[in-house]
């Protein structure tokens, strides 16, 4: 069972990648969208930090994976 509260605060603490959110059978579509939107916001902040020569960890293409998952849920960016 997905820890929804934890996922809403920090998606990476619960999910390894956005596809896991997309395929989580115990989450509603609205919950999936909210979690992915949070993850997207966090990744955009990390990209900004990287652009300012600050250290960044994680995959470079994670934002694209998040956007693909959101599109699969019918969210237009």
PDB file of N, CA and C in Angstrom:
ATOM      1  N   UNK A   1       0.840  -1.177   0.000  1.00  0.00           N
ATOM      2  CA  UNK A   1       0.000   0.000   0.000  1.00  0.00           C
ATOM      3  C   UNK A   1       0.892   1.250   0.000  1.00  0.00           C
ATOM      4  N   UNK A   2       0.559   2.169  -0.850  1.00  0.00           N
ATOM      5  CA  UNK A   2       1.332   3.391  -1.002  1.00  0.00           C
ATOM      6  C   UNK A   2       1.110   4.334   0.176  1.00  0.00           C
ATOM      7  N   UNK A   3       2.199   4.862   0.717  1.00  0.00           N
ATOM      8  CA  UNK A   3       2.118   5.879   1.759  1.00  0.00           C
ATOM      9  C   UNK A   3       1.844   7.211   1.062  1.00  0.00           C
ATOM     10  N   UNK A   4       0.569   7.547   0.920  1.00  0.00           N
ATOM     11  CA  UNK A   4       0.153   8.705   0.133  1.00  0.00           C
ATOM     12  C   UNK A   4       0.682  10.010   0.728  1.00  0.00           C
ATOM     13  N   UNK A   5       0.582  10.159   2.040  1.00  0.00           N
ATOM     14  CA  UNK A   5       1.061  11.395   2.668  1.00  0.00           C
ATOM     15  C   UNK A   5       2.555  11.603   2.392  1.00  0.00           C
ATOM     16  N   UNK A   6       3.320  10.548   2.531  1.00  0.00           N
ATOM     17  CA  UNK A   6       4.757  10.632   2.282  1.00  0.00           C
ATOM     18  C   UNK A   6       5.031  10.926   0.808  1.00  0.00           C
ATOM     19  N   UNK A   7       4.279  10.292  -0.071  1.00  0.00           N
ATOM     20  CA  UNK A   7       4.450  10.505  -1.511  1.00  0.00           C
ATOM     21  C   UNK A   7       4.103  11.928  -1.913  1.00  0.00           C
ATOM     22  N   UNK A   8       3.120  12.524  -1.262  1.00  0.00           N
ATOM     23  CA  UNK A   8       2.738  13.899  -1.572  1.00  0.00           C
ATOM     24  C   UNK A   8       3.835  14.882  -1.159  1.00  0.00           C
ATOM     25  N   UNK A   9       4.524  14.577  -0.069  1.00  0.00           N
ATOM     26  CA  UNK A   9       5.590  15.451   0.417  1.00  0.00           C
ATOM     27  C   UNK A   9       6.893  15.253  -0.349  1.00  0.00           C
ATOM     28  N   UNK A  10       7.223  13.992  -0.631  1.00  0.00           N
ATOM     29  CA  UNK A  10       8.476  13.675  -1.309  1.00  0.00           C
ATOM     30  C   UNK A  10       8.283  12.420  -2.158  1.00  0.00           C
ATOM     31  N   UNK A  11       7.876  12.591  -3.413  1.00  0.00           N
ATOM     32  CA  UNK A  11       7.609  11.434  -4.274  1.00  0.00           C
ATOM     33  C   UNK A  11       8.781  10.462  -4.382  1.00  0.00           C
ATOM     34  N   UNK A  12      10.006  10.976  -4.350  1.00  0.00           N
ATOM     35  CA  UNK A  12      11.175  10.096  -4.496  1.00  0.00           C
ATOM     36  C   UNK A  12      11.414   9.229  -3.270  1.00  0.00           C
ATOM     37  N   UNK A  13      10.771   9.548  -2.159  1.00  0.00           N
ATOM     38  CA  UNK A  13      10.898   8.719  -0.964  1.00  0.00           C
ATOM     39  C   UNK A  13      10.042   7.461  -1.074  1.00  0.00           C
ATOM     40  N   UNK A  14       9.084   7.486  -2.003  1.00  0.00           N
ATOM     41  CA  UNK A  14       8.147   6.363  -2.154  1.00  0.00           C
ATOM     42  C   UNK A  14       8.307   5.659  -3.499  1.00  0.00           C
ATOM     43  N   UNK A  15       8.636   6.420  -4.536  1.00  0.00           N
ATOM     44  CA  UNK A  15       8.702   5.874  -5.893  1.00  0.00           C
ATOM     45  C   UNK A  15      10.106   6.044  -6.476  1.00  0.00           C
ATOM     46  N   UNK A  16      10.551   5.032  -7.212  1.00  0.00           N
ATOM     47  CA  UNK A  16      11.857   5.085  -7.874  1.00  0.00           C
ATOM     48  C   UNK A  16      11.796   5.871  -9.176  1.00  0.00           C
ATOM     49  N   UNK A  17      10.628   5.857  -9.821  1.00  0.00           N
ATOM     50  CA  UNK A  17      10.479   6.560 -11.095  1.00  0.00           C
ATOM     51  C   UNK A  17       9.007   6.906 -11.316  1.00  0.00           C
ATOM     52  N   UNK A  18       8.737   7.841 -12.220  1.00  0.00           N
ATOM     53  CA  UNK A  18       7.357   8.281 -12.463  1.00  0.00           C
ATOM     54  C   UNK A  18       6.418   7.181 -12.954  1.00  0.00           C
ATOM     55  N   UNK A  19       6.948   6.199 -13.654  1.00  0.00           N
ATOM     56  CA  UNK A  19       6.086   5.112 -14.127  1.00  0.00           C
ATOM     57  C   UNK A  19       5.481   4.326 -12.974  1.00  0.00           C
ATOM     58  N   UNK A  20       6.188   4.238 -11.864  1.00  0.00           N
ATOM     59  CA  UNK A  20       5.633   3.555 -10.697  1.00  0.00           C
ATOM     60  C   UNK A  20       4.402   4.298 -10.177  1.00  0.00           C
ATOM     61  N   UNK A  21       4.438   5.620 -10.233  1.00  0.00           N
ATOM     62  CA  UNK A  21       3.262   6.401  -9.839  1.00  0.00           C
ATOM     63  C   UNK A  21       2.112   6.091 -10.797  1.00  0.00           C
ATOM     64  N   UNK A  22       2.406   6.138 -12.077  1.00  0.00           N
ATOM     65  CA  UNK A  22       1.399   5.907 -13.111  1.00  0.00           C
ATOM     66  C   UNK A  22       0.718   4.552 -12.944  1.00  0.00           C
ATOM     67  N   UNK A  23       1.476   3.542 -12.548  1.00  0.00           N
ATOM     68  CA  UNK A  23       0.941   2.180 -12.458  1.00  0.00           C
ATOM     69  C   UNK A  23       0.522   1.768 -11.043  1.00  0.00           C
ATOM     70  N   UNK A  24       0.557   2.683 -10.086  1.00  0.00           N
ATOM     71  CA  UNK A  24       0.141   2.357  -8.715  1.00  0.00           C
ATOM     72  C   UNK A  24      -1.374   2.152  -8.677  1.00  0.00           C
ATOM     73  N   UNK A  25      -1.781   0.932  -8.447  1.00  0.00           N
ATOM     74  CA  UNK A  25      -3.214   0.601  -8.509  1.00  0.00           C
ATOM     75  C   UNK A  25      -4.001   1.104  -7.308  1.00  0.00           C
ATOM     76  N   UNK A  26      -3.328   1.458  -6.236  1.00  0.00           N
ATOM     77  CA  UNK A  26      -4.043   1.913  -5.043  1.00  0.00           C
ATOM     78  C   UNK A  26      -4.173   3.442  -4.966  1.00  0.00           C
ATOM     79  N   UNK A  27      -3.777   4.145  -6.030  1.00  0.00           N
ATOM     80  CA  UNK A  27      -3.917   5.603  -6.078  1.00  0.00           C
ATOM     81  C   UNK A  27      -4.993   5.988  -7.081  1.00  0.00           C
ATOM     82  N   UNK A  28      -5.731   7.041  -6.761  1.00  0.00           N
ATOM     83  CA  UNK A  28      -6.705   7.560  -7.713  1.00  0.00           C
ATOM     84  C   UNK A  28      -5.956   8.360  -8.783  1.00  0.00           C
ATOM     85  N   UNK A  29      -6.619   8.659  -9.861  1.00  0.00           N
ATOM     86  CA  UNK A  29      -6.006   9.467 -10.908  1.00  0.00           C
ATOM     87  C   UNK A  29      -5.607  10.833 -10.352  1.00  0.00           C
ATOM     88  N   UNK A  30      -6.456  11.414  -9.533  1.00  0.00           N
ATOM     89  CA  UNK A  30      -6.168  12.717  -8.946  1.00  0.00           C
ATOM     90  C   UNK A  30      -4.921  12.663  -8.059  1.00  0.00           C
ATOM     91  N   UNK A  31      -4.789  11.605  -7.274  1.00  0.00           N
ATOM     92  CA  UNK A  31      -3.602  11.451  -6.422  1.00  0.00           C
ATOM     93  C   UNK A  31      -2.344  11.301  -7.266  1.00  0.00           C
ATOM     94  N   UNK A  32      -2.436  10.511  -8.325  1.00  0.00           N
ATOM     95  CA  UNK A  32      -1.281  10.331  -9.219  1.00  0.00           C
ATOM     96  C   UNK A  32      -0.856  11.666  -9.820  1.00  0.00           C
ATOM     97  N   UNK A  33      -1.836  12.442 -10.281  1.00  0.00           N
ATOM     98  CA  UNK A  33      -1.532  13.736 -10.884  1.00  0.00           C
ATOM     99  C   UNK A  33      -0.883  14.659  -9.854  1.00  0.00           C
ATOM    100  N   UNK A  34      -1.430  14.688  -8.656  1.00  0.00           N
ATOM    101  CA  UNK A  34      -0.875  15.563  -7.619  1.00  0.00           C
ATOM    102  C   UNK A  34       0.558  15.164  -7.261  1.00  0.00           C
ATOM    103  N   UNK A  35       0.809  13.883  -7.134  1.00  0.00           N
ATOM    104  CA  UNK A  35       2.161  13.400  -6.821  1.00  0.00           C
ATOM    105  C   UNK A  35       3.117  13.748  -7.955  1.00  0.00           C
ATOM    106  N   UNK A  36       2.703  13.506  -9.187  1.00  0.00           N
ATOM    107  CA  UNK A  36       3.566  13.806 -10.332  1.00  0.00           C
ATOM    108  C   UNK A  36       3.798  15.310 -10.483  1.00  0.00           C
ATOM    109  N   UNK A  37       2.783  16.111 -10.206  1.00  0.00           N
ATOM    110  CA  UNK A  37       2.953  17.562 -10.271  1.00  0.00           C
ATOM    111  C   UNK A  37       3.950  18.027  -9.215  1.00  0.00           C
ATOM    112  N   UNK A  38       3.892  17.457  -8.036  1.00  0.00           N
ATOM    113  CA  UNK A  38       4.854  17.790  -6.971  1.00  0.00           C
ATOM    114  C   UNK A  38       6.268  17.413  -7.406  1.00  0.00           C
ATOM    115  N   UNK A  39       6.398  16.218  -7.970  1.00  0.00           N
ATOM    116  CA  UNK A  39       7.690  15.727  -8.428  1.00  0.00           C
ATOM    117  C   UNK A  39       8.225  16.651  -9.526  1.00  0.00           C
ATOM    118  N   UNK A  40       7.338  17.055 -10.419  1.00  0.00           N
ATOM    119  CA  UNK A  40       7.716  17.970 -11.498  1.00  0.00           C
ATOM    120  C   UNK A  40       8.240  19.287 -10.922  1.00  0.00           C
ATOM    121  N   UNK A  41       7.537  19.831  -9.958  1.00  0.00           N
ATOM    122  CA  UNK A  41       7.955  21.083  -9.319  1.00  0.00           C
ATOM    123  C   UNK A  41       9.345  20.927  -8.701  1.00  0.00           C
ATOM    124  N   UNK A  42       9.548  19.837  -7.972  1.00  0.00           N
ATOM    125  CA  UNK A  42      10.851  19.583  -7.344  1.00  0.00           C
ATOM    126  C   UNK A  42      11.956  19.485  -8.379  1.00  0.00           C
ATOM    127  N   UNK A  43      11.685  18.774  -9.479  1.00  0.00           N
ATOM    128  CA  UNK A  43      12.698  18.607 -10.530  1.00  0.00           C
ATOM    129  C   UNK A  43      13.009  19.934 -11.217  1.00  0.00           C
ATOM    130  N   UNK A  44      11.990  20.755 -11.423  1.00  0.00           N
ATOM    131  CA  UNK A  44      12.226  22.056 -12.037  1.00  0.00           C
ATOM    132  C   UNK A  44      13.100  22.926 -11.134  1.00  0.00           C
ATOM    133  N   UNK A  45      12.905  22.835  -9.814  1.00  0.00           N
ATOM    134  CA  UNK A  45      13.759  23.569  -8.882  1.00  0.00           C
ATOM    135  C   UNK A  45      15.197  23.061  -8.961  1.00  0.00           C
ATOM    136  N   UNK A  46      15.351  21.754  -9.079  1.00  0.00           N
ATOM    137  CA  UNK A  46      16.694  21.179  -9.190  1.00  0.00           C
ATOM    138  C   UNK A  46      17.376  21.615 -10.480  1.00  0.00           C
ATOM    139  N   UNK A  47      16.613  21.685 -11.558  1.00  0.00           N
ATOM    140  CA  UNK A  47      17.190  22.147 -12.829  1.00  0.00           C
ATOM    141  C   UNK A  47      17.634  23.602 -12.725  1.00  0.00           C
ATOM    142  N   UNK A  48      16.852  24.406 -12.026  1.00  0.00           N
ATOM    143  CA  UNK A  48      17.232  25.806 -11.823  1.00  0.00           C
ATOM    144  C   UNK A  48      18.525  25.886 -11.028  1.00  0.00           C
ATOM    145  N   UNK A  49      18.618  25.089  -9.983  1.00  0.00           N
ATOM    146  CA  UNK A  49      19.835  25.068  -9.170  1.00  0.00           C
ATOM    147  C   UNK A  49      21.028  24.626 -10.011  1.00  0.00           C
ATOM    148  N   UNK A  50      20.821  23.630 -10.852  1.00  0.00           N
ATOM    149  CA  UNK A  50      21.890  23.148 -11.714  1.00  0.00           C
ATOM    150  C   UNK A  50      22.329  24.256 -12.676  1.00  0.00           C
ATOM    151  N   UNK A  51      21.377  25.019 -13.175  1.00  0.00           N
ATOM    152  CA  UNK A  51      21.682  26.121 -14.072  1.00  0.00           C
ATOM    153  C   UNK A  51      22.483  27.216 -13.389  1.00  0.00           C
ATOM    154  N   UNK A  52      22.389  27.264 -12.071  1.00  0.00           N
ATOM    155  CA  UNK A  52      23.139  28.245 -11.293  1.00  0.00           C
ATOM    156  C   UNK A  52      24.416  27.628 -10.732  1.00  0.00           C
ATOM    157  N   UNK A  53      24.844  26.524 -11.360  1.00  0.00           N
ATOM    158  CA  UNK A  53      26.081  25.822 -10.991  1.00  0.00           C
ATOM    159  C   UNK A  53      26.046  25.227  -9.596  1.00  0.00           C
ATOM    160  N   UNK A  54      24.874  24.870  -9.133  1.00  0.00           N
ATOM    161  CA  UNK A  54      24.760  24.193  -7.855  1.00  0.00           C
ATOM    162  C   UNK A  54      24.741  22.695  -8.136  1.00  0.00           C
ATOM    163  N   UNK A  55      25.143  21.922  -7.160  1.00  0.00           N
ATOM    164  CA  UNK A  55      25.203  20.471  -7.326  1.00  0.00           C
ATOM    165  C   UNK A  55      23.813  19.894  -7.489  1.00  0.00           C
ATOM    166  N   UNK A  56      23.724  18.843  -8.279  1.00  0.00           N
ATOM    167  CA  UNK A  56      22.451  18.166  -8.498  1.00  0.00           C
ATOM    168  C   UNK A  56      22.711  16.671  -8.612  1.00  0.00           C
ATOM    169  N   UNK A  57      21.840  15.901  -7.986  1.00  0.00           N
ATOM    170  CA  UNK A  57      21.920  14.460  -8.114  1.00  0.00           C
ATOM    171  C   UNK A  57      20.724  13.974  -8.896  1.00  0.00           C
ATOM    172  N   UNK A  58      20.749  12.724  -9.304  1.00  0.00           N
ATOM    173  CA  UNK A  58      19.596  12.160  -9.986  1.00  0.00           C
ATOM    174  C   UNK A  58      19.757  12.123 -11.495  1.00  0.00           C
ATOM    175  N   UNK A  59      18.742  11.575 -12.136  1.00  0.00           N
ATOM    176  CA  UNK A  59      18.770  11.401 -13.577  1.00  0.00           C
ATOM    177  C   UNK A  59      18.424  12.704 -14.287  1.00  0.00           C
ATOM    178  N   UNK A  60      19.072  12.929 -15.410  1.00  0.00           N
ATOM    179  CA  UNK A  60      18.817  14.145 -16.177  1.00  0.00           C
ATOM    180  C   UNK A  60      17.474  14.081 -16.899  1.00  0.00           C
ATOM    181  N   UNK A  61      17.007  12.899 -17.269  1.00  0.00           N
ATOM    182  CA  UNK A  61      15.772  12.798 -18.048  1.00  0.00           C
ATOM    183  C   UNK A  61      14.536  12.522 -17.190  1.00  0.00           C
ATOM    184  N   UNK A  62      14.646  12.655 -15.889  1.00  0.00           N
ATOM    185  CA  UNK A  62      13.512  12.360 -15.014  1.00  0.00           C
ATOM    186  C   UNK A  62      12.347  13.314 -15.272  1.00  0.00           C
ATOM    187  N   UNK A  63      12.648  14.566 -15.569  1.00  0.00           N
ATOM    188  CA  UNK A  63      11.576  15.527 -15.833  1.00  0.00           C
ATOM    189  C   UNK A  63      10.770  15.102 -17.050  1.00  0.00           C
ATOM    190  N   UNK A  64      11.427  14.632 -18.091  1.00  0.00           N
ATOM    191  CA  UNK A  64      10.705  14.165 -19.278  1.00  0.00           C
ATOM    192  C   UNK A  64       9.834  12.957 -18.942  1.00  0.00           C
ATOM    193  N   UNK A  65      10.315  12.071 -18.093  1.00  0.00           N
ATOM    194  CA  UNK A  65       9.514  10.917 -17.662  1.00  0.00           C
ATOM    195  C   UNK A  65       8.280  11.355 -16.882  1.00  0.00           C
ATOM    196  N   UNK A  66       8.449  12.373 -16.054  1.00  0.00           N
ATOM    197  CA  UNK A  66       7.313  12.907 -15.296  1.00  0.00           C
ATOM    198  C   UNK A  66       6.281  13.491 -16.257  1.00  0.00           C
ATOM    199  N   UNK A  67       6.756  14.266 -17.223  1.00  0.00           N
ATOM    200  CA  UNK A  67       5.841  14.878 -18.192  1.00  0.00           C
ATOM    201  C   UNK A  67       5.114  13.822 -19.017  1.00  0.00           C
ATOM    202  N   UNK A  68       5.805  12.746 -19.394  1.00  0.00           N
ATOM    203  CA  UNK A  68       5.162  11.654 -20.136  1.00  0.00           C
ATOM    204  C   UNK A  68       4.083  10.985 -19.296  1.00  0.00           C
ATOM    205  N   UNK A  69       4.364  10.775 -18.014  1.00  0.00           N
ATOM    206  CA  UNK A  69       3.374  10.160 -17.127  1.00  0.00           C
ATOM    207  C   UNK A  69       2.151  11.064 -16.972  1.00  0.00           C
ATOM    208  N   UNK A  70       2.386  12.358 -16.843  1.00  0.00           N
ATOM    209  CA  UNK A  70       1.269  13.307 -16.748  1.00  0.00           C
ATOM    210  C   UNK A  70       0.443  13.310 -18.017  1.00  0.00           C
ATOM    211  N   UNK A  71       1.102  13.255 -19.181  1.00  0.00           N
ATOM    212  CA  UNK A  71       0.360  13.204 -20.453  1.00  0.00           C
ATOM    213  C   UNK A  71      -0.481  11.933 -20.521  1.00  0.00           C
ATOM    214  N   UNK A  72       0.066  10.824 -20.031  1.00  0.00           N
ATOM    215  CA  UNK A  72      -0.682   9.556 -20.042  1.00  0.00           C
ATOM    216  C   UNK A  72      -1.942   9.650 -19.171  1.00  0.00           C
ATOM    217  N   UNK A  73      -1.902  10.540 -18.183  1.00  0.00           N
ATOM    218  CA  UNK A  73      -3.059  10.751 -17.316  1.00  0.00           C
ATOM    219  C   UNK A  73      -3.987  11.837 -17.851  1.00  0.00           C
ATOM    220  N   UNK A  74      -3.664  12.369 -19.016  1.00  0.00           N
ATOM    221  CA  UNK A  74      -4.517  13.361 -19.642  1.00  0.00           C
ATOM    222  C   UNK A  74      -4.236  14.799 -19.241  1.00  0.00           C
ATOM    223  N   UNK A  75      -3.079  15.028 -18.615  1.00  0.00           N
ATOM    224  CA  UNK A  75      -2.729  16.382 -18.187  1.00  0.00           C
ATOM    225  C   UNK A  75      -1.916  17.050 -19.304  1.00  0.00           C
ATOM    226  N   UNK A  76      -2.387  18.193 -19.761  1.00  0.00           N
ATOM    227  CA  UNK A  76      -1.662  18.952 -20.766  1.00  0.00           C
ATOM    228  C   UNK A  76      -0.829  20.005 -20.070  1.00  0.00           C
ATOM    229  N   UNK A  77       0.451  20.070 -20.435  1.00  0.00           N
ATOM    230  CA  UNK A  77       1.337  21.046 -19.787  1.00  0.00           C
ATOM    231  C   UNK A  77       1.383  22.308 -20.597  1.00  0.00           C
TER     232      UNK A  77
END
